[in-house]
Each structure stands twice: as structure tokens, then as C-alpha cells.
Amino acid sequence: MENRQPNNPLHGVKLAEILEFLVNRYGWEELGRRINIRCFTKDPSIKSSLKFLQKTPWARTKVENLYLDSH
């Protein structure tokens, strides 16, 4: 049986895809202004940001909300 989540707009979207979209749209500097976390403001990279966001639910929520607001 397939697990469907029609009310979850992030279903099937990977965190890496979300982060790459936001970096391409805003760039690291603007992303760091919009969401003030060190992984965006001090020597940012996709790899280090993903590692931090996977372990930090409140930061991940902010990133996901910005992604949803940006569409």
C-alpha cells in the first residue's frame, strides 16, 4: 500500500532539494539574513547545512517554511 500524504506539501521533497532551491533563489548571504543560523552565515556549504538541519528540528522547520513561502 502506498503511503500518501495529500495535505503535506513537503511530502516527497528531500531536505537537500529544499536547501539547493533556497540557495539558488536567495544565495547564502540573503538566506542567512532571512534565517539567522550559523550554518548559513559562517562558511556555508550544502553539506554542513544539511548535517545541522537534520539534527536541529527548529531550524529545519524555519527552512521548510521559507521554502513553502517561496513557491
PDB file of N, CA and C in Angstrom:
ATOM      1  N   MET A   1       0.842  -1.187   0.000  1.00  0.00           N
ATOM      2  CA  MET A   1       0.000   0.000   0.000  1.00  0.00           C
ATOM      3  C   MET A   1       0.884   1.247   0.000  1.00  0.00           C
ATOM      4  N   GLU A   2       0.561   2.182  -0.841  1.00  0.00           N
ATOM      5  CA  GLU A   2       1.329   3.400  -0.974  1.00  0.00           C
ATOM      6  C   GLU A   2       0.986   4.380   0.145  1.00  0.00           C
ATOM      7  N   ASN A   3       2.003   5.011   0.710  1.00  0.00           N
ATOM      8  CA  ASN A   3       1.812   5.971   1.794  1.00  0.00           C
ATOM      9  C   ASN A   3       1.643   7.359   1.194  1.00  0.00           C
ATOM     10  N   ARG A   4       0.436   7.852   1.108  1.00  0.00           N
ATOM     11  CA  ARG A   4       0.150   9.165   0.531  1.00  0.00           C
ATOM     12  C   ARG A   4      -0.155  10.165   1.623  1.00  0.00           C
ATOM     13  N   GLN A   5       0.282  11.382   1.396  1.00  0.00           N
ATOM     14  CA  GLN A   5       0.031  12.461   2.344  1.00  0.00           C
ATOM     15  C   GLN A   5      -0.432  13.687   1.569  1.00  0.00           C
ATOM     16  N   PRO A   6      -1.698  13.697   1.163  1.00  0.00           N
ATOM     17  CA  PRO A   6      -2.178  14.784   0.301  1.00  0.00           C
ATOM     18  C   PRO A   6      -2.155  16.163   0.961  1.00  0.00           C
ATOM     19  N   ASN A   7      -2.184  16.222   2.283  1.00  0.00           N
ATOM     20  CA  ASN A   7      -2.194  17.509   2.969  1.00  0.00           C
ATOM     21  C   ASN A   7      -0.800  17.972   3.381  1.00  0.00           C
ATOM     22  N   ASN A   8       0.224  17.245   2.995  1.00  0.00           N
ATOM     23  CA  ASN A   8       1.601  17.606   3.333  1.00  0.00           C
ATOM     24  C   ASN A   8       2.305  18.089   2.068  1.00  0.00           C
ATOM     25  N   PRO A   9       2.477  19.410   1.907  1.00  0.00           N
ATOM     26  CA  PRO A   9       3.092  19.925   0.685  1.00  0.00           C
ATOM     27  C   PRO A   9       4.574  19.566   0.551  1.00  0.00           C
ATOM     28  N   LEU A  10       5.189  19.096   1.615  1.00  0.00           N
ATOM     29  CA  LEU A  10       6.598  18.718   1.556  1.00  0.00           C
ATOM     30  C   LEU A  10       6.807  17.221   1.328  1.00  0.00           C
ATOM     31  N   HIS A  11       5.722  16.465   1.230  1.00  0.00           N
ATOM     32  CA  HIS A  11       5.837  15.023   1.026  1.00  0.00           C
ATOM     33  C   HIS A  11       6.594  14.740  -0.270  1.00  0.00           C
ATOM     34  N   GLY A  12       7.641  13.954  -0.160  1.00  0.00           N
ATOM     35  CA  GLY A  12       8.421  13.572  -1.335  1.00  0.00           C
ATOM     36  C   GLY A  12       9.516  14.562  -1.706  1.00  0.00           C
ATOM     37  N   VAL A  13       9.610  15.671  -0.991  1.00  0.00           N
ATOM     38  CA  VAL A  13      10.648  16.667  -1.267  1.00  0.00           C
ATOM     39  C   VAL A  13      11.768  16.469  -0.242  1.00  0.00           C
ATOM     40  N   LYS A  14      12.968  16.225  -0.733  1.00  0.00           N
ATOM     41  CA  LYS A  14      14.102  15.985   0.151  1.00  0.00           C
ATOM     42  C   LYS A  14      14.648  17.302   0.681  1.00  0.00           C
ATOM     43  N   LEU A  15      15.208  17.235   1.886  1.00  0.00           N
ATOM     44  CA  LEU A  15      15.791  18.417   2.509  1.00  0.00           C
ATOM     45  C   LEU A  15      16.891  19.010   1.618  1.00  0.00           C
ATOM     46  N   ALA A  16      17.675  18.176   0.982  1.00  0.00           N
ATOM     47  CA  ALA A  16      18.734  18.661   0.090  1.00  0.00           C
ATOM     48  C   ALA A  16      18.143  19.470  -1.066  1.00  0.00           C
ATOM     49  N   GLU A  17      17.024  19.027  -1.615  1.00  0.00           N
ATOM     50  CA  GLU A  17      16.354  19.753  -2.701  1.00  0.00           C
ATOM     51  C   GLU A  17      15.857  21.107  -2.218  1.00  0.00           C
ATOM     52  N   ILE A  18      15.305  21.134  -1.022  1.00  0.00           N
ATOM     53  CA  ILE A  18      14.805  22.379  -0.435  1.00  0.00           C
ATOM     54  C   ILE A  18      15.951  23.365  -0.265  1.00  0.00           C
ATOM     55  N   LEU A  19      17.049  22.892   0.312  1.00  0.00           N
ATOM     56  CA  LEU A  19      18.192  23.760   0.562  1.00  0.00           C
ATOM     57  C   LEU A  19      18.798  24.270  -0.745  1.00  0.00           C
ATOM     58  N   GLU A  20      18.951  23.409  -1.724  1.00  0.00           N
ATOM     59  CA  GLU A  20      19.501  23.834  -3.019  1.00  0.00           C
ATOM     60  C   GLU A  20      18.600  24.863  -3.685  1.00  0.00           C
ATOM     61  N   PHE A  21      17.301  24.682  -3.604  1.00  0.00           N
ATOM     62  CA  PHE A  21      16.359  25.653  -4.157  1.00  0.00           C
ATOM     63  C   PHE A  21      16.546  27.018  -3.495  1.00  0.00           C
ATOM     64  N   LEU A  22      16.606  27.016  -2.165  1.00  0.00           N
ATOM     65  CA  LEU A  22      16.735  28.285  -1.439  1.00  0.00           C
ATOM     66  C   LEU A  22      18.064  28.975  -1.711  1.00  0.00           C
ATOM     67  N   VAL A  23      19.132  28.214  -1.791  1.00  0.00           N
ATOM     68  CA  VAL A  23      20.446  28.804  -2.091  1.00  0.00           C
ATOM     69  C   VAL A  23      20.450  29.383  -3.503  1.00  0.00           C
ATOM     70  N   ASN A  24      19.868  28.673  -4.445  1.00  0.00           N
ATOM     71  CA  ASN A  24      19.799  29.180  -5.828  1.00  0.00           C
ATOM     72  C   ASN A  24      18.926  30.419  -5.930  1.00  0.00           C
ATOM     73  N   ARG A  25      17.871  30.459  -5.161  1.00  0.00           N
ATOM     74  CA  ARG A  25      16.944  31.589  -5.225  1.00  0.00           C
ATOM     75  C   ARG A  25      17.471  32.827  -4.493  1.00  0.00           C
ATOM     76  N   TYR A  26      18.008  32.634  -3.293  1.00  0.00           N
ATOM     77  CA  TYR A  26      18.396  33.759  -2.442  1.00  0.00           C
ATOM     78  C   TYR A  26      19.902  33.966  -2.318  1.00  0.00           C
ATOM     79  N   GLY A  27      20.684  32.903  -2.462  1.00  0.00           N
ATOM     80  CA  GLY A  27      22.109  32.978  -2.174  1.00  0.00           C
ATOM     81  C   GLY A  27      22.339  32.840  -0.681  1.00  0.00           C
ATOM     82  N   TRP A  28      23.567  32.511  -0.297  1.00  0.00           N
ATOM     83  CA  TRP A  28      23.862  32.270   1.117  1.00  0.00           C
ATOM     84  C   TRP A  28      23.677  33.517   1.965  1.00  0.00           C
ATOM     85  N   GLU A  29      24.101  34.671   1.450  1.00  0.00           N
ATOM     86  CA  GLU A  29      24.030  35.889   2.255  1.00  0.00           C
ATOM     87  C   GLU A  29      22.590  36.252   2.611  1.00  0.00           C
ATOM     88  N   GLU A  30      21.714  36.251   1.618  1.00  0.00           N
ATOM     89  CA  GLU A  30      20.302  36.571   1.867  1.00  0.00           C
ATOM     90  C   GLU A  30      19.633  35.481   2.704  1.00  0.00           C
ATOM     91  N   LEU A  31      19.986  34.237   2.460  1.00  0.00           N
ATOM     92  CA  LEU A  31      19.425  33.138   3.245  1.00  0.00           C
ATOM     93  C   LEU A  31      19.816  33.293   4.715  1.00  0.00           C
ATOM     94  N   GLY A  32      21.049  33.706   4.976  1.00  0.00           N
ATOM     95  CA  GLY A  32      21.499  33.955   6.338  1.00  0.00           C
ATOM     96  C   GLY A  32      20.790  35.129   6.991  1.00  0.00           C
ATOM     97  N   ARG A  33      20.384  36.106   6.179  1.00  0.00           N
ATOM     98  CA  ARG A  33      19.600  37.225   6.730  1.00  0.00           C
ATOM     99  C   ARG A  33      18.173  36.786   7.055  1.00  0.00           C
ATOM    100  N   ARG A  34      17.605  35.986   6.203  1.00  0.00           N
ATOM    101  CA  ARG A  34      16.225  35.537   6.408  1.00  0.00           C
ATOM    102  C   ARG A  34      16.116  34.528   7.548  1.00  0.00           C
ATOM    103  N   ILE A  35      17.108  33.639   7.649  1.00  0.00           N
ATOM    104  CA  ILE A  35      17.149  32.642   8.719  1.00  0.00           C
ATOM    105  C   ILE A  35      18.539  32.740   9.331  1.00  0.00           C
ATOM    106  N   ASN A  36      18.633  33.409  10.455  1.00  0.00           N
ATOM    107  CA  ASN A  36      19.927  33.698  11.066  1.00  0.00           C
ATOM    108  C   ASN A  36      20.451  32.504  11.860  1.00  0.00           C
ATOM    109  N   ILE A  37      21.061  31.570  11.131  1.00  0.00           N
ATOM    110  CA  ILE A  37      21.729  30.445  11.774  1.00  0.00           C
ATOM    111  C   ILE A  37      23.142  30.360  11.205  1.00  0.00           C
ATOM    112  N   ARG A  38      24.080  29.940  12.036  1.00  0.00           N
ATOM    113  CA  ARG A  38      25.498  29.974  11.671  1.00  0.00           C
ATOM    114  C   ARG A  38      25.824  29.174  10.419  1.00  0.00           C
ATOM    115  N   CYS A  39      25.131  28.076  10.194  1.00  0.00           N
ATOM    116  CA  CYS A  39      25.473  27.266   9.018  1.00  0.00           C
ATOM    117  C   CYS A  39      25.176  28.014   7.719  1.00  0.00           C
ATOM    118  N   PHE A  40      24.426  29.118   7.793  1.00  0.00           N
ATOM    119  CA  PHE A  40      24.166  29.955   6.623  1.00  0.00           C
ATOM    120  C   PHE A  40      25.041  31.208   6.593  1.00  0.00           C
ATOM    121  N   THR A  41      25.590  31.594   7.738  1.00  0.00           N
ATOM    122  CA  THR A  41      26.318  32.865   7.810  1.00  0.00           C
ATOM    123  C   THR A  41      27.829  32.710   7.946  1.00  0.00           C
ATOM    124  N   LYS A  42      28.312  31.605   8.435  1.00  0.00           N
ATOM    125  CA  LYS A  42      29.751  31.390   8.635  1.00  0.00           C
ATOM    126  C   LYS A  42      30.224  30.219   7.780  1.00  0.00           C
ATOM    127  N   ASP A  43      30.942  30.504   6.703  1.00  0.00           N
ATOM    128  CA  ASP A  43      31.496  29.484   5.811  1.00  0.00           C
ATOM    129  C   ASP A  43      30.447  28.450   5.397  1.00  0.00           C
ATOM    130  N   PRO A  44      29.363  28.893   4.751  1.00  0.00           N
ATOM    131  CA  PRO A  44      28.247  27.988   4.440  1.00  0.00           C
ATOM    132  C   PRO A  44      28.567  26.987   3.323  1.00  0.00           C
ATOM    133  N   SER A  45      27.968  25.822   3.448  1.00  0.00           N
ATOM    134  CA  SER A  45      28.017  24.808   2.392  1.00  0.00           C
ATOM    135  C   SER A  45      26.758  23.958   2.507  1.00  0.00           C
ATOM    136  N   ILE A  46      26.405  23.332   1.419  1.00  0.00           N
ATOM    137  CA  ILE A  46      25.229  22.451   1.417  1.00  0.00           C
ATOM    138  C   ILE A  46      25.449  21.316   2.423  1.00  0.00           C
ATOM    139  N   LYS A  47      26.622  20.703   2.379  1.00  0.00           N
ATOM    140  CA  LYS A  47      26.903  19.545   3.231  1.00  0.00           C
ATOM    141  C   LYS A  47      26.804  19.892   4.717  1.00  0.00           C
ATOM    142  N   SER A  48      27.462  20.963   5.144  1.00  0.00           N
ATOM    143  CA  SER A  48      27.422  21.309   6.566  1.00  0.00           C
ATOM    144  C   SER A  48      26.026  21.759   6.998  1.00  0.00           C
ATOM    145  N   SER A  49      25.330  22.462   6.114  1.00  0.00           N
ATOM    146  CA  SER A  49      23.978  22.913   6.439  1.00  0.00           C
ATOM    147  C   SER A  49      23.026  21.731   6.573  1.00  0.00           C
ATOM    148  N   LEU A  50      23.134  20.761   5.674  1.00  0.00           N
ATOM    149  CA  LEU A  50      22.280  19.573   5.766  1.00  0.00           C
ATOM    150  C   LEU A  50      22.525  18.825   7.075  1.00  0.00           C
ATOM    151  N   LYS A  51      23.775  18.684   7.434  1.00  0.00           N
ATOM    152  CA  LYS A  51      24.115  17.980   8.677  1.00  0.00           C
ATOM    153  C   LYS A  51      23.472  18.673   9.875  1.00  0.00           C
ATOM    154  N   PHE A  52      23.575  20.004   9.929  1.00  0.00           N
ATOM    155  CA  PHE A  52      22.986  20.764  11.021  1.00  0.00           C
ATOM    156  C   PHE A  52      21.461  20.666  11.011  1.00  0.00           C
ATOM    157  N   LEU A  53      20.854  20.854   9.850  1.00  0.00           N
ATOM    158  CA  LEU A  53      19.392  20.867   9.757  1.00  0.00           C
ATOM    159  C   LEU A  53      18.783  19.510  10.078  1.00  0.00           C
ATOM    160  N   GLN A  54      19.478  18.438   9.762  1.00  0.00           N
ATOM    161  CA  GLN A  54      18.956  17.109  10.072  1.00  0.00           C
ATOM    162  C   GLN A  54      18.927  16.843  11.566  1.00  0.00           C
ATOM    163  N   LYS A  55      19.778  17.528  12.328  1.00  0.00           N
ATOM    164  CA  LYS A  55      19.839  17.322  13.777  1.00  0.00           C
ATOM    165  C   LYS A  55      19.093  18.392  14.566  1.00  0.00           C
ATOM    166  N   THR A  56      18.583  19.420  13.883  1.00  0.00           N
ATOM    167  CA  THR A  56      18.012  20.570  14.590  1.00  0.00           C
ATOM    168  C   THR A  56      16.605  20.866  14.067  1.00  0.00           C
ATOM    169  N   PRO A  57      15.588  20.284  14.694  1.00  0.00           N
ATOM    170  CA  PRO A  57      14.215  20.412  14.195  1.00  0.00           C
ATOM    171  C   PRO A  57      13.717  21.849  14.047  1.00  0.00           C
ATOM    172  N   TRP A  58      14.027  22.749  14.989  1.00  0.00           N
ATOM    173  CA  TRP A  58      13.517  24.117  14.893  1.00  0.00           C
ATOM    174  C   TRP A  58      14.099  24.833  13.673  1.00  0.00           C
ATOM    175  N   ALA A  59      15.361  24.568  13.358  1.00  0.00           N
ATOM    176  CA  ALA A  59      15.986  25.209  12.196  1.00  0.00           C
ATOM    177  C   ALA A  59      15.425  24.619  10.901  1.00  0.00           C
ATOM    178  N   ARG A  60      15.228  23.317  10.891  1.00  0.00           N
ATOM    179  CA  ARG A  60      14.657  22.666   9.716  1.00  0.00           C
ATOM    180  C   ARG A  60      13.254  23.217   9.425  1.00  0.00           C
ATOM    181  N   THR A  61      12.483  23.426  10.475  1.00  0.00           N
ATOM    182  CA  THR A  61      11.136  23.975  10.315  1.00  0.00           C
ATOM    183  C   THR A  61      11.193  25.362   9.674  1.00  0.00           C
ATOM    184  N   LYS A  62      12.140  26.189  10.096  1.00  0.00           N
ATOM    185  CA  LYS A  62      12.275  27.524   9.510  1.00  0.00           C
ATOM    186  C   LYS A  62      12.626  27.437   8.028  1.00  0.00           C
ATOM    187  N   VAL A  63      13.519  26.517   7.683  1.00  0.00           N
ATOM    188  CA  VAL A  63      13.923  26.336   6.288  1.00  0.00           C
ATOM    189  C   VAL A  63      12.743  25.838   5.456  1.00  0.00           C
ATOM    190  N   GLU A  64      12.018  24.863   5.976  1.00  0.00           N
ATOM    191  CA  GLU A  64      10.859  24.330   5.251  1.00  0.00           C
ATOM    192  C   GLU A  64       9.785  25.403   5.065  1.00  0.00           C
ATOM    193  N   ASN A  65       9.559  26.222   6.079  1.00  0.00           N
ATOM    194  CA  ASN A  65       8.559  27.289   5.958  1.00  0.00           C
ATOM    195  C   ASN A  65       8.968  28.332   4.928  1.00  0.00           C
ATOM    196  N   LEU A  66      10.244  28.694   4.889  1.00  0.00           N
ATOM    197  CA  LEU A  66      10.721  29.635   3.873  1.00  0.00           C
ATOM    198  C   LEU A  66      10.554  29.030   2.479  1.00  0.00           C
ATOM    199  N   TYR A  67      10.839  27.760   2.350  1.00  0.00           N
ATOM    200  CA  TYR A  67      10.656  27.067   1.072  1.00  0.00           C
ATOM    201  C   TYR A  67       9.196  27.129   0.621  1.00  0.00           C
ATOM    202  N   LEU A  68       8.277  26.842   1.534  1.00  0.00           N
ATOM    203  CA  LEU A  68       6.856  26.876   1.193  1.00  0.00           C
ATOM    204  C   LEU A  68       6.402  28.298   0.838  1.00  0.00           C
ATOM    205  N   ASP A  69       6.907  29.281   1.554  1.00  0.00           N
ATOM    206  CA  ASP A  69       6.558  30.687   1.272  1.00  0.00           C
ATOM    207  C   ASP A  69       7.168  31.175  -0.035  1.00  0.00           C
ATOM    208  N   SER A  70       8.199  30.517  -0.506  1.00  0.00           N
ATOM    209  CA  SER A  70       8.916  30.953  -1.711  1.00  0.00           C
ATOM    210  C   SER A  70       8.323  30.382  -2.996  1.00  0.00           C
ATOM    211  N   HIS A  71       7.324  29.561  -2.879  1.00  0.00           N
ATOM    212  CA  HIS A  71       6.699  28.983  -4.082  1.00  0.00           C
ATOM    213  C   HIS A  71       5.442  29.717  -4.448  1.00  0.00           C
TER     214      HIS A  71
END
